[in-house]
Protein backbone atom coordinates (compact mmCIF):
# COMPACT_ATOMS: atom_id res chain seq x y z
CA MET A 1 304.70 84.66 143.83
CA GLN A 2 301.69 82.55 143.11
CA ASP A 3 302.29 82.90 139.45
CA ASP A 4 305.64 81.18 139.91
CA ILE A 5 304.12 78.18 141.74
CA ILE A 6 303.09 75.76 139.13
CA PRO A 7 300.43 73.62 140.43
CA THR A 8 300.86 69.97 140.59
CA GLN A 9 298.85 68.16 138.04
CA ASP A 10 296.92 64.99 139.38
CA LYS A 11 298.42 62.09 137.95
CA GLU A 12 296.16 59.38 136.66
CA THR A 13 296.23 56.35 138.95
CA THR A 14 297.02 53.06 137.31
CA SER A 15 296.91 49.53 138.59
CA THR A 16 300.88 49.69 138.79
CA ASP A 17 300.75 52.85 140.91
CA SER A 18 298.12 51.81 143.42
CA PRO A 19 298.45 48.11 144.71
CA ASN A 20 295.22 48.66 146.61
CA MET A 21 293.09 48.69 143.54
CA SER A 22 294.60 45.76 141.88
CA THR A 23 293.20 42.35 141.55
CA PRO A 24 294.72 40.02 144.14
CA SER A 25 297.43 37.76 142.84
CA PRO A 26 296.47 33.92 142.88
CA GLU A 27 299.03 33.55 145.73
CA SER A 28 296.81 35.81 147.89
CA ILE A 29 293.55 33.85 147.34
CA PRO A 30 293.25 30.86 149.78
CA PRO A 31 292.06 27.68 148.17
CA SER A 32 288.72 26.33 149.09
CA PHE A 33 288.44 23.44 151.74
CA THR A 34 292.34 23.32 151.95
CA GLU A 35 294.05 22.61 155.12
CA PRO A 36 296.33 25.66 155.72
CA ALA A 37 300.13 25.30 156.07
CA THR A 38 301.35 25.25 159.64
CA SER A 39 303.94 28.02 160.34
CA THR A 40 306.90 26.93 162.37
CA ASP A 41 308.05 30.60 163.03
CA PRO A 42 305.59 32.96 164.86
CA ARG A 43 307.64 35.86 163.47
CA ASN A 44 306.29 35.18 159.82
CA ASP A 45 302.76 36.16 161.10
CA ILE A 46 304.18 39.49 162.55
CA LEU A 47 305.91 40.16 159.34
CA ALA A 48 302.84 39.47 157.44
CA SER A 49 300.76 41.83 159.37
CA THR A 50 303.45 44.55 159.30
CA SER A 51 303.71 44.38 155.74
CA SER A 52 299.94 44.85 155.26
CA PHE A 53 300.06 47.86 157.52
CA GLU A 54 302.78 49.59 155.90
CA THR A 55 301.23 49.08 152.51
CA GLU A 56 298.11 50.91 153.70
CA THR A 57 299.93 53.84 155.42
CA THR A 58 302.52 54.60 152.81
CA GLN A 59 300.16 55.51 150.02
CA PRO A 60 300.51 59.14 148.54
CA VAL A 61 297.75 61.58 149.84
CA ASN A 62 295.15 62.65 147.54
CA THR A 63 295.08 66.37 147.41
CA THR A 64 292.37 66.82 145.12
CA SER A 65 288.85 67.50 146.17
CA GLU A 66 287.38 64.59 144.38
CA THR A 67 286.11 61.79 146.35
CA PRO A 68 288.77 59.15 146.87
CA SER A 69 288.39 55.87 145.20
CA PRO A 70 287.38 53.09 147.54
CA VAL A 71 290.33 51.03 148.72
CA ALA A 72 289.97 47.29 148.62
CA PRO A 73 291.02 45.94 152.15
CA ILE A 74 293.97 43.36 152.22
CA VAL A 75 292.80 40.34 154.13
CA SER A 76 295.27 37.76 155.17
CA GLY A 77 295.02 34.38 153.40
CA LYS A 78 295.43 32.42 156.60
CA SER A 79 292.40 34.43 158.33
CA ASN A 80 290.18 33.45 155.26
CA LYS A 81 291.13 29.83 155.61
CA LYS A 82 290.58 29.61 159.28
CA LYS A 83 287.04 31.11 158.83
CA LYS A 84 286.23 28.65 156.05
CA LEU A 85 287.35 25.75 158.11
CA ILE A 86 285.08 27.00 160.92
CA ILE A 87 282.13 27.28 158.78
CA VAL A 88 282.71 23.69 157.15
CA ALA A 89 283.05 22.38 160.67
CA VAL A 90 279.80 23.83 161.67
CA VAL A 91 278.10 22.57 158.48
CA ILE A 92 279.49 18.93 159.14
CA ALA A 93 278.28 19.01 162.72
CA VAL A 94 274.60 20.07 161.69
CA LEU A 95 274.66 17.46 158.85
CA ALA A 96 275.77 14.91 161.38
CA VAL A 97 272.98 15.58 163.80
CA LEU A 98 270.46 16.01 160.89
CA ALA A 99 271.70 12.49 159.65
CA GLY A 100 271.27 10.87 163.06
CA THR A 101 267.71 12.20 163.36
CA GLY A 102 267.17 11.23 159.80
CA ALA A 103 268.21 7.64 160.46
CA ALA A 104 266.11 7.18 163.41
CA ALA A 105 263.11 8.58 161.51
CA TYR A 106 263.94 6.40 158.45
CA ASN A 107 264.15 3.18 160.59
CA LEU A 108 260.89 3.92 162.36
CA TRP A 109 259.19 4.15 158.72
CA PHE A 110 261.14 1.51 156.95
CA GLN A 111 261.17 -1.01 159.69
CA ASN A 112 257.47 -0.36 160.46
CA PRO A 113 255.79 -3.90 160.67
CA ASP A 114 252.92 -3.09 158.25
CA LYS A 115 255.45 -1.81 155.79
CA VAL A 116 257.82 -4.78 156.35
CA LEU A 117 255.01 -7.32 155.68
CA GLY A 118 253.36 -5.48 152.89
CA ASP A 119 256.63 -5.09 150.87
CA ALA A 120 257.21 -8.84 151.49
CA LEU A 121 254.00 -9.65 150.02
CA VAL A 122 254.60 -7.39 147.04
CA ASN A 123 258.15 -8.82 146.44
CA ALA A 124 256.92 -12.36 146.62
CA MET A 125 254.20 -11.79 143.92
CA ARG A 126 256.69 -9.95 141.69
CA ALA A 127 259.53 -12.41 142.17
CA LYS A 128 260.88 -13.96 138.83
CA THR A 129 262.20 -17.22 140.51
CA ILE A 130 261.70 -18.93 143.95
CA SER A 131 263.44 -21.83 145.71
CA TYR A 132 262.61 -23.25 148.97
CA THR A 133 263.20 -25.82 151.53
CA GLY A 134 260.72 -27.17 153.90
CA SER A 135 259.79 -29.68 156.56
CA LEU A 136 256.70 -31.03 158.34
CA ASP A 137 257.34 -32.86 161.57
CA TYR A 138 254.29 -34.53 163.47
CA LYS A 139 254.27 -36.59 166.57
CA ALA A 140 251.06 -38.04 168.09
CA LYS A 141 250.81 -37.95 171.64
CA THR A 142 248.40 -41.01 171.78
CA THR A 143 247.62 -43.42 168.77
CA THR A 144 243.78 -43.44 168.90
CA SER A 145 243.37 -45.04 165.49
CA SER A 146 245.21 -47.75 163.54
CA PHE A 147 244.89 -45.39 160.52
CA SER A 148 246.76 -42.66 162.14
CA PRO A 149 250.67 -42.48 162.18
CA SER A 150 252.35 -42.09 165.40
CA HIS A 151 255.07 -40.02 163.75
CA MET A 152 255.63 -38.50 160.39
CA LYS A 153 258.51 -36.42 159.04
CA LEU A 154 258.02 -34.83 155.60
CA THR A 155 260.85 -32.89 153.89
CA VAL A 156 260.57 -30.89 150.68
CA ASP A 157 262.84 -28.80 148.43
CA GLY A 158 261.75 -27.24 145.21
CA LYS A 159 262.24 -24.26 142.68
CA ASN A 160 260.05 -22.46 140.45
CA THR A 161 260.34 -19.98 137.43
CA SER A 162 257.34 -18.21 135.72
CA VAL A 163 257.29 -21.27 133.04
CA ASP A 164 258.51 -24.39 134.81
CA GLY A 165 259.14 -25.84 138.38
CA GLU A 166 260.28 -28.86 140.28
CA MET A 167 259.73 -30.42 143.75
CA ASN A 168 261.20 -33.12 145.55
CA VAL A 169 259.62 -34.81 148.50
CA LYS A 170 260.66 -37.39 151.15
CA LEU A 171 258.36 -38.87 153.62
CA ALA A 172 259.23 -41.02 156.82
CA LEU A 173 256.29 -42.33 158.99
CA THR A 174 255.79 -44.90 161.63
CA TYR A 175 252.72 -46.58 161.07
CA GLY A 176 251.40 -49.65 163.02
CA GLY A 177 254.62 -50.11 164.62
CA LYS A 178 256.54 -50.18 161.40
CA ASP A 179 258.87 -47.43 159.60
CA PHE A 180 258.10 -46.47 156.08
CA ASN A 181 260.10 -44.32 153.78
CA LEU A 182 258.85 -42.88 150.52
CA SER A 183 260.37 -40.51 148.23
CA GLY A 184 259.37 -38.91 145.01
CA SER A 185 259.59 -35.84 142.62
CA GLY A 186 257.31 -33.96 140.48
CA LEU A 187 258.04 -31.42 137.59
CA TYR A 188 256.38 -29.40 135.07
CA ASP A 189 257.97 -27.81 131.92
CA LYS A 190 257.44 -24.77 129.79
CA ASP A 191 255.07 -26.63 127.41
CA ALA A 192 252.65 -27.70 130.32
CA ASN A 193 253.82 -31.27 130.23
CA LEU A 194 253.76 -32.98 133.80
CA TYR A 195 256.30 -35.30 135.15
CA PHE A 196 256.47 -37.60 138.33
CA LYS A 197 258.33 -40.43 139.83
CA ILE A 198 257.98 -42.48 143.00
CA ASN A 199 261.11 -44.22 144.52
CA ASP A 200 261.21 -47.50 146.46
CA VAL A 201 257.80 -48.61 145.44
CA ARG A 202 258.65 -52.32 145.81
CA LYS A 203 260.47 -51.80 149.08
CA ILE A 204 257.24 -50.29 150.60
CA ILE A 205 254.91 -53.07 149.05
CA ASP A 206 257.14 -55.84 150.30
CA SER A 207 257.35 -54.32 153.75
CA ALA A 208 253.63 -53.76 154.04
CA LEU A 209 252.92 -57.31 152.87
CA SER A 210 255.64 -59.12 154.82
CA SER A 211 253.50 -60.40 157.49
CA SER A 212 250.52 -61.61 155.20
CA SER A 213 250.27 -64.33 152.69
CA VAL A 214 249.08 -62.08 149.78
CA VAL A 215 250.77 -63.06 146.40
CA ILE A 216 251.24 -60.16 143.92
CA PRO A 217 249.90 -61.11 140.47
CA GLN A 218 252.45 -61.21 137.87
CA GLU A 219 250.96 -58.52 135.70
CA ILE A 220 250.87 -56.00 138.82
CA ASP A 221 254.54 -57.17 139.65
CA ASN A 222 255.49 -56.19 136.11
CA LEU A 223 253.80 -52.72 136.57
CA ILE A 224 255.67 -52.12 139.77
CA THR A 225 259.01 -52.77 137.92
CA LYS A 226 258.23 -50.52 135.22
CA ILE A 227 257.34 -47.32 137.53
CA ASP A 228 259.53 -47.93 140.44
CA GLY A 229 261.95 -44.90 140.46
CA LYS A 230 261.03 -43.99 136.67
CA TRP A 231 259.76 -40.70 135.50
CA ILE A 232 256.27 -40.88 134.15
CA LYS A 233 255.28 -38.27 131.51
CA ILE A 234 251.74 -36.90 131.23
CA SER A 235 251.80 -34.76 128.23
CA VAL A 236 249.38 -32.25 126.97
CA ASP A 237 248.20 -34.95 124.37
CA ASP A 238 247.77 -37.43 127.16
CA THR A 239 245.54 -35.07 129.17
CA LYS A 240 243.41 -34.32 126.11
CA GLU A 241 242.70 -38.06 125.97
CA PHE A 242 241.18 -37.99 129.35
CA SER A 243 239.54 -34.77 128.94
CA GLU A 244 240.09 -32.17 126.26
CA LYS A 245 238.35 -29.55 128.38
CA TYR A 246 240.76 -29.93 131.11
CA ALA A 247 243.70 -29.68 128.92
CA ASP A 248 242.46 -26.45 127.42
CA THR A 249 241.80 -25.12 130.86
CA GLN A 250 245.23 -26.14 132.05
CA LYS A 251 246.80 -24.28 129.07
CA CYS A 252 244.71 -21.17 129.43
CA THR A 253 245.46 -20.95 133.03
CA LYS A 254 249.25 -21.05 132.51
CA ASP A 255 249.04 -18.53 129.62
CA THR A 256 247.09 -16.22 131.68
CA LEU A 257 249.46 -16.27 134.61
CA LYS A 258 252.30 -15.69 132.24
CA LYS A 259 250.48 -12.89 130.57
CA TYR A 260 250.02 -10.99 133.95
CA GLU A 261 253.63 -11.82 135.26
CA ASN A 262 255.02 -8.38 134.54
CA ASP A 263 251.79 -6.43 134.61
CA LYS A 264 252.44 -3.89 137.53
CA ASP A 265 248.86 -2.53 137.33
CA ALA A 266 247.38 -6.06 138.02
CA THR A 267 249.79 -6.61 140.81
CA LYS A 268 248.98 -3.15 142.15
CA GLU A 269 245.30 -4.07 142.10
CA ILE A 270 245.85 -6.93 144.47
CA VAL A 271 248.32 -4.84 146.67
CA ASP A 272 245.76 -2.05 147.12
CA LEU A 273 243.13 -4.84 147.95
CA TYR A 274 245.31 -6.00 150.61
CA ASN A 275 245.88 -2.48 152.00
CA LYS A 276 242.24 -1.98 152.43
CA ASN A 277 241.86 -5.38 154.11
CA LYS A 278 245.10 -6.04 156.08
CA PHE A 279 244.25 -9.53 157.26
CA ILE A 280 247.61 -10.23 158.72
CA VAL A 281 247.88 -8.93 162.18
CA VAL A 282 251.10 -8.59 164.12
CA LYS A 283 250.70 -10.24 167.54
CA GLU A 284 254.29 -9.98 168.76
CA LYS A 285 257.69 -8.64 167.51
CA LEU A 286 260.20 -11.36 167.77
CA GLY A 287 263.23 -9.08 167.28
CA SER A 288 266.03 -9.71 164.73
CA LYS A 289 267.96 -12.97 163.97
CA ASP A 290 270.38 -13.64 161.22
CA GLY A 291 269.64 -10.26 159.53
CA SER A 292 265.85 -10.85 159.65
CA LEU A 293 262.94 -9.26 161.61
CA GLY A 294 260.56 -11.82 163.13
CA TYR A 295 256.92 -11.26 163.85
CA ALA A 296 254.33 -13.65 165.47
CA ILE A 297 251.16 -13.20 163.32
CA GLU A 298 247.63 -14.20 163.28
CA GLY A 299 244.88 -13.70 160.87
CA ASP A 300 241.80 -11.40 160.92
CA THR A 301 238.94 -13.56 159.71
CA ASP A 302 236.64 -10.68 158.54
CA LYS A 303 239.38 -8.86 156.64
CA THR A 304 240.47 -12.09 155.06
CA LYS A 305 236.95 -12.83 153.81
CA ALA A 306 236.71 -9.16 152.45
CA PHE A 307 240.15 -9.75 150.69
CA VAL A 308 239.17 -13.14 149.16
CA LYS A 309 235.77 -11.68 148.00
CA GLY A 310 237.52 -8.67 146.45
CA LEU A 311 239.96 -10.91 144.53
CA ASN A 312 236.95 -12.07 142.28
CA ASP A 313 236.83 -8.59 141.07
CA THR A 314 240.45 -8.31 140.17
CA LYS A 315 241.66 -8.40 136.53
CA ILE A 316 243.81 -11.58 137.01
CA VAL A 317 240.99 -13.63 138.65
CA LYS A 318 238.54 -12.50 136.18
CA GLU A 319 240.75 -13.75 133.26
CA LEU A 320 241.18 -17.09 135.17
CA GLN A 321 237.41 -17.56 135.45
CA LYS A 322 237.28 -17.20 131.63
CA CYS A 323 239.59 -20.42 131.52
CA ASP A 324 237.29 -22.23 133.98
CA GLU A 325 233.70 -21.03 134.65
CA ASN A 326 233.79 -22.91 138.04
CA PHE A 327 236.81 -21.15 139.27
CA LYS A 328 235.63 -18.91 141.97
CA LEU A 329 237.08 -17.93 145.34
CA ASP A 330 234.29 -18.28 148.00
CA ALA A 331 234.92 -16.30 151.02
CA ASP A 332 232.39 -18.30 152.95
CA ASP A 333 234.71 -21.22 152.98
CA ILE A 334 236.89 -19.27 155.44
CA ASN A 335 236.03 -20.31 159.06
CA GLY A 336 236.31 -18.19 162.20
CA ASP A 337 234.09 -16.68 164.39
CA SER A 338 236.23 -14.06 166.06
CA THR A 339 237.63 -10.88 164.49
CA THR A 340 240.98 -12.38 165.11
CA GLU A 341 241.17 -16.12 165.13
CA GLN A 342 242.88 -17.78 167.94
CA SER A 343 244.59 -20.97 168.03
CA ASP A 344 246.84 -23.16 170.13
CA GLY A 345 249.77 -22.70 167.96
CA GLN A 346 251.99 -19.77 166.65
CA PHE A 347 252.77 -18.83 163.29
CA GLU A 348 255.96 -16.81 162.78
CA VAL A 349 257.20 -14.87 159.63
CA TRP A 350 260.75 -13.70 159.25
CA VAL A 351 261.70 -10.99 156.77
CA ASP A 352 264.97 -9.67 155.59
CA ARG A 353 265.77 -6.45 157.33
CA TRP A 354 266.86 -4.54 154.16
CA SER A 355 265.39 -6.34 151.03
CA HIS A 356 261.87 -6.92 152.80
CA GLN A 357 261.80 -10.53 151.38
CA PHE A 358 260.23 -13.38 153.08
CA THR A 359 263.04 -15.65 154.60
CA LYS A 360 261.31 -18.06 156.76
CA PHE A 361 257.67 -19.20 157.88
CA ASN A 362 257.40 -21.39 161.06
CA LEU A 363 254.14 -22.69 162.20
CA THR A 364 253.73 -24.84 165.32
CA GLY A 365 250.55 -26.16 166.70
CA LYS A 366 248.55 -29.08 168.22
CA ASP A 367 245.68 -31.14 166.98
CA ASP A 368 242.58 -32.10 169.04
CA ASP A 369 244.34 -35.29 170.32
CA GLY A 370 247.37 -33.46 171.72
CA GLY A 371 249.71 -34.36 168.86
CA GLU A 372 252.26 -31.61 167.99
CA ALA A 373 253.25 -30.49 164.71
CA THR A 374 255.98 -28.07 163.31
CA PHE A 375 256.00 -26.77 159.88
CA ILE A 376 258.93 -24.89 158.44
CA VAL A 377 259.45 -23.21 154.99
CA GLU A 378 262.61 -21.25 154.06
CA PRO A 379 262.24 -19.47 150.73
CA LYS A 380 264.72 -17.62 148.50
CA PHE A 381 263.57 -15.22 145.74
CA ASN A 382 265.18 -14.28 142.63
CA GLN A 383 267.85 -16.80 142.52
CA ILE A 384 269.30 -18.29 139.35
CA VAL A 385 267.46 -21.69 138.88
CA SER A 386 267.29 -24.32 136.33
CA ILE A 387 264.94 -27.14 135.70
CA ASN A 388 266.11 -30.32 133.97
CA VAL A 389 263.59 -32.05 132.10
CA PRO A 390 263.87 -35.87 132.19
CA LYS A 391 264.61 -37.54 128.92
CA ASP A 392 264.05 -41.10 129.92
CA THR A 393 260.43 -41.37 130.68
CA VAL A 394 257.51 -43.82 130.53
CA SER A 395 254.51 -42.33 128.77
CA LEU A 396 251.10 -42.13 130.40
CA SER A 397 249.52 -43.98 127.40
CA GLU A 398 251.77 -46.78 127.93
CA LEU A 399 250.96 -47.09 131.74
CA LYS A 400 247.20 -46.91 130.60
CA ALA A 401 247.38 -49.86 128.47
CA ASP A 402 249.12 -51.93 131.18
CA ILE A 403 246.55 -50.75 133.74
CA GLU A 404 243.67 -51.77 131.32
CA LYS A 405 245.12 -55.03 130.78
CA ILE A 406 245.48 -55.73 134.53
CA GLN A 407 241.78 -54.73 135.06
CA GLN A 408 240.70 -56.93 132.19
CA ASP A 409 242.59 -60.00 133.45
CA TYR A 410 241.02 -59.31 137.04
CA THR A 411 237.40 -59.06 135.46
CA ASN A 412 238.10 -62.30 133.59
CA SER A 413 239.13 -64.15 136.74
CA LEU A 414 236.06 -63.01 138.53
CA LYS A 415 233.98 -64.33 135.51
CA ASP A 416 235.74 -67.71 135.66
CA SER A 417 235.29 -67.86 139.44
CA THR A 418 231.56 -67.17 139.03
CA THR A 419 231.13 -69.65 136.20
CA THR A 420 232.91 -72.44 138.20
CA LEU A 421 230.55 -71.73 141.21
CA ASP A 422 227.48 -72.00 138.99
CA SER A 423 228.45 -75.09 137.47
CA GLY A 424 229.10 -76.77 140.69
CA THR A 425 225.80 -75.53 142.11
CA MET A 426 223.83 -77.00 139.11
CA THR A 427 225.59 -80.38 139.40
CA GLU A 428 224.62 -80.72 143.08
CA VAL A 429 221.01 -79.95 142.04
């Protein structure tokens, strides 16, 4: 009977015969970080789990003695999606906590007063351009001298690049019971030529002489007309006529500053020197205003002296000393007996919270006679500026000739007066 029984041969398992050994189809793989579709019928989940169970229990039994091949478990795609979402949620929560902690630590470091002020100094030194407005307001408590104004208001605005610059000034003062207003401008171009003008010269002189019997000579009157509100040019050649050495020094200084404008090593040398001698001391934090952080500061006299003394050994200053052998920064000129110099006023600086650039300087103080002064400057760095060089100008050489003529006429008038006096004296004798 056993011979009639034909043994069943093992059939080679193929991918089509055993779905458990097959690679899951793309439909069964859940996409990463994808929101799972919401089932509207709970029976769909029951059918899905039943289908998986039946697939596993209806497989043919392996009757051979060989070790059965491992069966890959069928995992529900929805279950994988839920697990991934939980993991993603946990990661996001952890990152949120770390980000909050990191932001606090970052602010403690980035907004540290020493770093804020140090960065502001470096940014000011490395700025390509600067434009600014400022004012000085002084009110005397009592007028103790006829030479002291009882009130003075000075306003300025200017702009500078690495090669040229311009400044406009207005001055209003009360002097001897009278009000005077004076305005003017100064400018230098990329070729080291200087320009300046003074407005309302005649008005000021007429106002000053209104109560006197002084008569202005015609030559001086002509000179006033020529310079009133006119640009006066002092060229490099004009400077050489007065002093060739000064002209050479001026050009050398300008070229040296231009040479080291983009030299980061030279800038770093000064920055490192300041870090060793931090003479700016934060006395009080003033909080935040208009996007800027404010500090009331004062200077450390000893560290200021050490800083100034160290500047003489820096690359830039050594090159400037080659332009002028008399150029030297003397630390002994800095006065102050205490480690931190005290004063009756307060010096405030304001720095942009994020760019760490100076936005405002504010100085208030009193003089020995009780007069009060307020000085404010608001700078802006790396703005687009342009300097318009005046074309209609009066040359210094032309003015020199007019001034020399006035001096000669005055000398001749003195001689004539002396001669007349001597002749009269001799006649009487």
